Protein backbone atom coordinates (compact mmCIF):
# COMPACT_ATOMS: atom_id res chain seq x y z
CA MET A 1 -15.95 -14.97 -1.41
CA GLU A 2 -13.29 -15.55 1.15
CA ARG A 3 -12.93 -12.36 2.95
CA ASN A 4 -10.25 -11.52 5.49
CA THR A 5 -9.37 -9.60 6.17
CA MET A 6 -3.61 -1.35 16.27
CA SER A 7 -1.48 2.30 16.51
CA HIS A 8 0.03 2.91 19.76
CA LYS A 9 0.81 6.23 21.76
CA LEU A 10 4.09 7.85 20.56
CA PRO A 11 6.64 8.62 23.55
CA GLY A 12 6.00 11.75 25.08
CA GLY A 13 2.79 11.33 24.97
CA THR A 14 0.15 13.69 22.87
CA ASN A 15 2.09 17.12 22.48
CA ALA A 16 4.87 14.65 21.47
CA ALA A 17 3.44 12.81 18.97
CA ARG A 18 1.45 16.04 17.54
CA ALA A 19 4.76 17.72 16.99
CA ALA A 20 6.45 14.68 15.41
CA ARG A 21 3.67 15.20 12.77
CA THR A 22 4.31 18.58 12.18
CA PRO A 23 4.91 19.36 8.49
CA VAL A 24 9.06 20.72 7.87
CA SER A 25 10.26 22.16 4.76
CA LYS A 26 12.63 20.09 2.65
CA GLU A 27 15.59 22.28 3.18
CA GLN A 28 15.16 21.58 7.08
CA LEU A 29 14.86 18.17 6.22
CA ILE A 30 18.07 18.05 3.89
CA ALA A 31 20.09 19.89 6.68
CA GLU A 32 18.68 17.42 9.58
CA MET A 33 20.44 14.97 7.29
CA HIS A 34 23.76 16.91 6.60
CA GLU A 35 23.80 17.04 10.42
CA THR A 36 22.75 12.61 11.10
CA VAL A 37 25.40 12.13 8.15
CA ASP A 38 28.42 13.77 10.14
CA LYS A 39 27.50 12.22 13.61
CA LEU A 40 28.80 9.17 12.02
CA LEU A 41 32.27 10.28 12.64
CA LYS A 42 31.64 11.63 15.81
CA ASP A 43 29.83 8.17 16.62
CA GLY A 44 32.55 6.29 15.23
CA ALA A 45 31.03 4.21 12.65
CA SER A 46 32.79 1.50 11.02
CA ARG A 47 33.36 1.64 7.02
CA GLY A 48 31.03 -1.02 6.89
CA ASP A 49 28.06 0.86 8.10
CA ILE A 50 29.16 3.87 6.50
CA LYS A 51 28.63 1.75 3.58
CA ILE A 52 25.26 0.04 4.09
CA LEU A 53 23.65 4.06 5.00
CA HIS A 54 25.68 5.80 1.43
CA ARG A 55 24.50 2.49 -0.63
CA ALA A 56 21.01 2.99 1.26
CA LEU A 57 20.32 6.42 0.35
CA LYS A 58 21.68 6.02 -3.19
CA GLU A 59 19.53 3.55 -3.72
CA LEU A 60 16.38 5.53 -2.72
CA ARG A 61 16.75 8.30 -4.15
CA TYR A 62 17.75 6.72 -7.72
CA ALA A 63 14.27 4.81 -6.91
CA PHE A 64 11.98 8.29 -6.31
CA LYS A 65 13.58 9.47 -9.14
CA VAL A 66 12.54 7.05 -11.43
CA PHE A 67 8.93 7.12 -10.05
CA ALA A 68 8.43 10.72 -9.54
CA PRO A 69 7.12 11.09 -13.03
CA PHE A 70 4.40 7.82 -12.74
CA ARG A 71 3.20 9.26 -9.07
CA ALA A 72 -0.17 10.95 -10.67
CA ARG A 73 -1.38 7.60 -11.76
CA ARG A 74 -2.41 4.70 -9.63
CA LYS A 75 -0.12 1.63 -9.54
CA VAL A 76 -0.58 -2.25 -8.10
CA THR A 77 2.35 -3.95 -7.37
CA VAL A 78 2.05 -7.87 -7.81
CA PHE A 79 4.10 -10.64 -5.53
CA GLY A 80 4.67 -13.44 -6.80
CA SER A 81 7.45 -17.09 -7.53
CA ALA A 82 10.21 -16.05 -10.34
CA ARG A 83 10.16 -19.76 -10.90
CA CYS A 84 6.37 -20.09 -12.14
CA PRO A 85 6.55 -21.46 -15.82
CA ALA A 86 4.84 -19.34 -18.81
CA ASP A 87 2.47 -22.49 -19.30
CA CYS A 88 0.98 -23.05 -15.74
CA PRO A 89 -1.85 -21.34 -14.90
CA THR A 90 -0.92 -19.21 -12.16
CA TYR A 91 0.90 -17.35 -14.82
CA ARG A 92 -1.91 -17.00 -17.14
CA GLN A 93 -3.61 -15.74 -14.06
CA ALA A 94 -1.17 -12.43 -13.21
CA VAL A 95 -1.39 -12.27 -17.33
CA LEU A 96 -4.68 -11.60 -17.75
CA PHE A 97 -4.72 -9.79 -13.87
CA GLY A 98 -2.00 -6.88 -15.17
CA ARG A 99 -3.76 -7.13 -18.68
CA ALA A 100 -7.15 -5.95 -16.58
CA MET A 101 -5.43 -3.52 -14.71
CA ALA A 102 -3.69 -1.66 -17.38
CA GLU A 103 -6.88 -1.33 -19.11
CA HIS A 104 -8.33 0.31 -16.45
CA GLY A 105 -5.33 3.39 -16.00
CA TRP A 106 -3.12 1.44 -13.59
CA MET A 107 0.35 0.70 -13.53
CA VAL A 108 1.93 -2.76 -12.45
CA VAL A 109 4.83 -3.05 -10.53
CA THR A 110 6.99 -5.85 -10.21
CA GLY A 111 10.22 -7.21 -8.72
CA ALA A 112 10.99 -7.22 -12.50
CA SER A 113 12.35 -10.60 -12.99
CA THR A 114 10.88 -14.08 -14.62
CA GLY A 115 7.66 -15.79 -13.29
CA ILE A 116 4.66 -14.31 -12.02
CA MET A 117 6.68 -10.82 -12.35
CA GLU A 118 7.25 -11.27 -15.93
CA ALA A 119 3.53 -12.23 -16.09
CA GLY A 120 2.36 -9.56 -14.47
CA HIS A 121 4.39 -7.25 -17.19
CA ALA A 122 3.31 -9.08 -19.97
CA GLY A 123 -0.16 -8.35 -19.19
CA ALA A 124 0.24 -4.38 -18.20
CA GLY A 125 2.84 -3.94 -20.78
CA ARG A 126 6.35 -1.93 -21.23
CA ASP A 127 4.32 1.60 -20.96
CA ALA A 128 2.63 0.28 -18.20
CA SER A 129 5.03 -1.27 -16.33
CA LEU A 130 7.58 -0.15 -13.42
CA GLY A 131 10.08 -2.91 -12.22
CA VAL A 132 11.67 -2.89 -8.96
CA ASN A 133 14.50 -5.60 -9.35
CA ILE A 134 16.90 -7.23 -6.94
CA LEU A 135 20.73 -7.67 -7.57
CA LEU A 136 21.05 -11.57 -6.74
CA PRO A 137 23.98 -14.12 -8.55
CA PHE A 138 20.70 -16.38 -9.70
CA GLU A 139 16.99 -16.19 -10.98
CA GLN A 140 17.03 -12.18 -11.21
CA ASN A 141 17.72 -11.05 -14.60
CA ALA A 142 15.30 -8.36 -15.39
CA ASN A 143 12.24 -9.82 -17.96
CA TYR A 144 12.19 -9.24 -21.94
CA ILE A 145 8.87 -6.61 -20.69
CA ILE A 146 10.68 -4.71 -19.01
CA ALA A 147 14.66 -5.17 -20.02
CA GLY A 148 16.09 -2.13 -20.53
CA ASP A 149 13.84 0.16 -20.16
CA ARG A 150 13.77 4.04 -18.08
CA LYS A 151 11.02 2.87 -15.42
CA LEU A 152 13.45 -0.15 -14.02
CA VAL A 153 15.41 0.44 -10.73
CA HIS A 154 18.22 -1.80 -10.14
CA LEU A 155 18.30 -2.55 -6.30
CA LYS A 156 21.17 -4.46 -3.85
CA TYR A 157 18.86 -4.44 -0.35
CA PHE A 158 15.64 -5.90 -0.05
CA PHE A 159 14.24 -3.50 2.27
CA THR A 160 15.32 -0.64 0.21
CA ARG A 161 13.31 -2.90 -2.63
CA LYS A 162 10.12 -3.29 -0.03
CA LEU A 163 9.98 -0.02 0.77
CA ILE A 164 9.42 1.06 -2.67
CA PHE A 165 6.93 -1.42 -3.61
CA VAL A 166 5.15 -0.85 -0.16
CA LYS A 167 5.54 3.25 -0.28
CA GLU A 168 4.74 3.38 -4.37
CA SER A 169 1.90 0.95 -4.45
CA HIS A 170 -2.17 1.94 -4.00
CA ALA A 171 -3.33 -1.77 -3.85
CA VAL A 172 -1.07 -5.15 -3.86
CA ALA A 173 -1.61 -8.28 -5.16
CA LEU A 174 0.21 -11.67 -4.07
CA PHE A 175 0.00 -14.65 -5.83
CA PRO A 176 1.41 -18.43 -5.06
CA GLY A 177 5.39 -18.10 -4.61
CA GLY A 178 7.89 -19.12 -2.00
CA PHE A 179 9.37 -17.36 0.78
CA GLY A 180 9.51 -14.07 -0.61
CA THR A 181 6.18 -13.78 -1.46
CA LEU A 182 5.09 -15.05 2.34
CA ASP A 183 7.97 -12.37 3.47
CA GLU A 184 6.14 -9.47 1.16
CA ALA A 185 2.46 -10.94 2.35
CA PHE A 186 2.85 -10.98 5.96
CA GLU A 187 5.19 -7.43 5.56
CA VAL A 188 2.42 -5.58 3.66
CA LEU A 189 0.01 -7.23 6.17
CA THR A 190 1.84 -6.04 8.85
CA LEU A 191 2.42 -2.22 7.78
CA VAL A 192 -1.63 -1.94 6.55
CA GLN A 193 -2.41 -3.70 10.29
CA THR A 194 -0.43 -1.64 12.71
CA GLY A 195 -1.01 1.75 10.65
CA LYS A 196 2.59 2.36 9.41
CA ARG A 197 0.99 2.18 5.96
CA ASP A 198 -2.06 3.90 4.42
CA LEU A 199 -5.05 1.19 4.06
CA ILE A 200 -5.10 -0.27 0.46
CA PRO A 201 -6.75 -3.48 -1.18
CA LEU A 202 -4.72 -6.25 -0.90
CA VAL A 203 -5.62 -9.30 -3.17
CA PHE A 204 -4.52 -12.71 -3.00
CA VAL A 205 -4.82 -14.64 -6.22
CA ASP A 206 -5.43 -18.24 -6.62
CA GLU A 207 -5.02 -20.34 -9.84
CA PRO A 208 -8.73 -21.12 -10.73
CA GLY A 209 -9.61 -23.59 -8.43
CA GLY A 210 -6.68 -23.28 -6.48
CA ASP A 211 -5.53 -23.72 -3.09
CA TYR A 212 -2.55 -22.15 -2.18
CA TRP A 213 -3.79 -19.30 -0.02
CA ARG A 214 -7.06 -20.88 1.09
CA GLU A 215 -4.41 -23.22 2.66
CA TRP A 216 -2.52 -19.85 3.75
CA LEU A 217 -5.46 -18.79 4.76
CA ARG A 218 -6.21 -21.83 6.69
CA TYR A 219 -3.19 -21.09 8.97
CA VAL A 220 -4.03 -18.06 9.16
CA GLN A 221 -7.15 -18.77 10.76
CA HIS A 222 -6.22 -22.03 12.70
CA CYS A 223 -2.96 -20.71 13.56
CA LEU A 224 -3.78 -17.38 14.60
CA LEU A 225 -6.69 -15.93 14.69
CA ASP A 226 -7.81 -18.71 16.63
CA ARG A 227 -4.74 -18.73 19.19
CA LYS A 228 -5.70 -14.88 19.64
CA TYR A 229 -2.41 -13.90 18.08
CA ILE A 230 -4.59 -11.32 15.59
CA SER A 231 -7.98 -9.80 16.26
CA PRO A 232 -11.24 -10.99 13.79
CA GLU A 233 -11.01 -7.39 12.30
CA ASP A 234 -7.86 -8.22 11.02
CA LEU A 235 -9.36 -10.36 8.69
CA HIS A 236 -10.58 -7.58 6.69
CA LEU A 237 -7.83 -6.46 5.26
CA PHE A 238 -7.42 -8.91 2.34
CA LEU A 239 -9.34 -10.78 0.14
CA VAL A 240 -8.61 -14.68 -0.92
CA THR A 241 -9.76 -15.45 -4.21
CA ASP A 242 -9.55 -17.47 -7.30
CA SER A 243 -10.72 -15.35 -9.28
CA VAL A 244 -9.05 -12.75 -11.79
CA ASP A 245 -12.33 -10.00 -12.00
CA GLU A 246 -12.87 -10.51 -8.61
CA ALA A 247 -9.62 -9.13 -7.84
CA VAL A 248 -10.06 -6.55 -9.98
CA GLN A 249 -12.98 -5.53 -8.67
CA GLU A 250 -12.35 -5.42 -5.14
CA ILE A 251 -8.85 -2.88 -5.92
CA LEU A 252 -11.40 -0.77 -8.34
CA ARG A 253 -14.08 -0.89 -5.47
CA PHE A 254 -12.16 0.12 -3.08
CA TYR A 255 -11.69 4.10 -4.82
CA SER A 256 -14.96 3.91 -6.23
CA VAL A 257 -15.81 6.79 -3.10
CA TYR A 258 -12.56 6.43 -1.17
CA HIS A 259 -10.03 9.10 -2.39
CA SER A 260 -6.86 8.93 0.32
CA MET A 261 -6.20 9.84 3.91
CA ARG A 262 -3.97 11.70 5.98
CA TYR A 263 -3.79 12.79 9.45
CA VAL A 264 -3.47 16.17 10.98
CA GLY A 265 -3.06 16.77 14.49
CA GLU A 266 -5.03 13.86 16.43
CA ARG A 267 -7.85 13.37 13.93
CA LEU A 268 -7.67 11.00 10.35
CA VAL A 269 -9.11 12.84 7.33
CA LEU A 270 -10.84 10.47 4.67
CA ARG A 271 -11.44 11.90 1.45
CA LEU A 272 -14.02 11.05 -0.32
CA GLN A 273 -14.85 11.62 -4.49
CA GLN A 274 -18.75 12.67 -3.94
CA PRO A 275 -20.39 13.23 -0.33
CA ILE A 276 -22.29 10.40 1.47
CA SER A 277 -26.11 11.02 2.95
CA PRO A 278 -26.70 12.56 5.90
CA ASP A 279 -28.58 9.10 7.07
CA LEU A 280 -25.10 7.41 5.83
CA LEU A 281 -23.24 9.46 8.25
CA GLU A 282 -25.57 8.78 10.80
CA GLN A 283 -25.12 5.23 10.45
CA LEU A 284 -21.42 5.12 10.49
CA ASN A 285 -21.30 6.67 13.71
CA GLU A 286 -23.81 4.92 15.08
CA ARG A 287 -21.70 1.78 13.94
CA TYR A 288 -18.50 2.59 14.61
CA LYS A 289 -18.31 4.81 17.47
CA ASP A 290 -16.53 1.62 19.31
CA ILE A 291 -13.11 2.89 17.06
CA LEU A 292 -13.49 6.82 17.81
CA VAL A 293 -11.78 8.69 20.70
CA SER A 294 -13.80 11.17 21.31
CA GLY A 295 -16.20 12.83 19.15
CA LYS A 296 -18.42 11.85 16.55
CA ILE A 297 -17.80 11.59 12.36
CA GLU A 298 -18.32 14.86 10.98
CA GLN A 299 -18.23 15.08 7.11
CA THR A 300 -16.56 18.89 5.78
CA GLY A 301 -14.72 20.18 3.87
CA PRO A 302 -10.70 20.67 3.07
CA LEU A 303 -9.20 21.26 6.84
CA PRO A 304 -6.77 24.60 6.89
CA GLU A 305 -4.09 22.44 7.24
CA GLU A 306 -4.68 20.39 4.25
CA ALA A 307 -4.01 23.61 2.05
CA ASP A 308 -0.36 21.62 1.09
CA ASP A 309 -2.77 19.35 -1.05
CA PRO A 310 -4.54 22.15 -3.27
CA TYR A 311 -5.55 19.58 -6.10
CA LEU A 312 -7.61 17.91 -3.71
CA SER A 313 -9.59 20.51 -2.40
CA HIS A 314 -12.73 19.42 -4.20
CA LEU A 315 -12.88 16.44 -2.59
CA THR A 316 -15.45 15.79 0.20
CA ARG A 317 -13.60 15.03 4.28
CA LEU A 318 -15.07 12.29 6.75
CA VAL A 319 -13.13 13.30 9.70
CA LEU A 320 -12.77 10.98 13.15
CA HIS A 321 -10.68 11.21 16.38
CA PHE A 322 -9.47 7.59 15.32
CA ASN A 323 -8.53 5.57 17.81
CA ARG A 324 -5.45 4.43 16.00
CA ARG A 325 -5.77 0.70 16.29
CA ASN A 326 -8.48 -1.27 15.12
CA PHE A 327 -7.52 -0.90 11.14
CA GLY A 328 -9.93 -3.70 10.16
CA ARG A 329 -12.83 -1.98 11.55
CA LEU A 330 -11.78 1.39 9.60
CA ARG A 331 -11.38 -0.84 6.68
CA CYS A 332 -15.08 -1.98 6.61
CA LEU A 333 -16.26 1.62 7.29
CA ILE A 334 -14.37 2.49 4.16
CA ASN A 335 -16.80 -0.50 2.42
CA ASP A 336 -19.71 0.77 3.79
CA ILE A 337 -18.79 4.34 2.15
CA ASN A 338 -18.11 2.66 -1.27
CA ALA A 339 -21.15 1.10 -1.36
CA SER A 340 -23.22 4.13 -1.06
CA ARG A 341 -21.95 5.28 -4.77
CA THR A 342 -25.08 6.35 -6.46
CA GLN A 343 -23.17 8.10 -9.36
CA PRO A 344 -19.90 7.06 -11.55
CA VAL A 345 -16.95 8.91 -10.06
CA GLU A 346 -14.07 10.04 -12.22
CA THR A 347 -11.22 8.74 -9.92
CA THR A 348 -8.27 12.00 -9.16
CA THR A 349 -5.25 12.09 -9.01
CA PRO A 350 -3.63 10.28 -5.85
CA PRO A 351 -2.09 12.04 -3.27
CA GLU A 352 1.88 12.92 -2.99
CA GLN A 353 1.90 12.35 0.57
CA ASP A 354 4.09 11.25 3.23
CA ARG A 355 3.91 7.79 4.33
CA GLU A 356 5.08 5.97 7.37
CA LEU A 357 6.65 3.01 6.21
């Protein structure tokens, strides 16, 4: 197995950061959006700028509406080439991956086109497939699995499409592809590395015996890690493999004890599906004291500020003052928690939470 795996202070200091995370009502947010829109005329915004904002808002509103009925199910986003024919080993890998994830109750999200996107949907089947198509003059008709389905969204902009891919997923699987696939790979890695996206499992899947991602990994190690453009801990944020079974188990294992995370003020709250032992808690405090700003990792029940997630109130919490920088180390901490599983756990509905993207 080839395991591969930085937040910052906000302007204004601690009080500003805390205020920025204070929940506000939906009505207040809508009112502020109206105020922002009204300012466009005052600012003298061009018609072209206003059209971009208008189209982006329409696209996101509709995509949120399509995905909303499926928020109670975990989803994996599959990226890869639209040019991969159905008789190539990579296509077959994606079919097997989509089928395995659907058998575990997951939904598969793809760009809805041909190649790897079609393969992921073919494996998952129509009922377990969601599509986010991009409007292009070539290569991007919806595949036969998702075409005409109510779970298919058509978008004009790549940036709105990528936001949906990342916001709505609980894991990402990347198969070989071209510029778009590499762009998506580095995009999601950047979001996870900088804490702009909650930690999720990322798997880079080659065909059996293939070298596409192994060669990519060599580049990352030689040109990024060796030259100190990334940290060694960043290599824990993803897994490179040519085994579908290993990729699937990597994703499922991530949620075997760990459930989800959120910030409450300056504290990071890790929700767990079962408690950990006092001995393990002591080991975690010793092993990961380098990522704590102050205090210790504490095991608690839900915090009062989490009252907006009542259906998760039965979950155990680990609360820590995380430095919001070493997310590779945080991933290692979650791996150690998951390794402590002592009994089968029934996966709880994923949280519908705000995510910084």
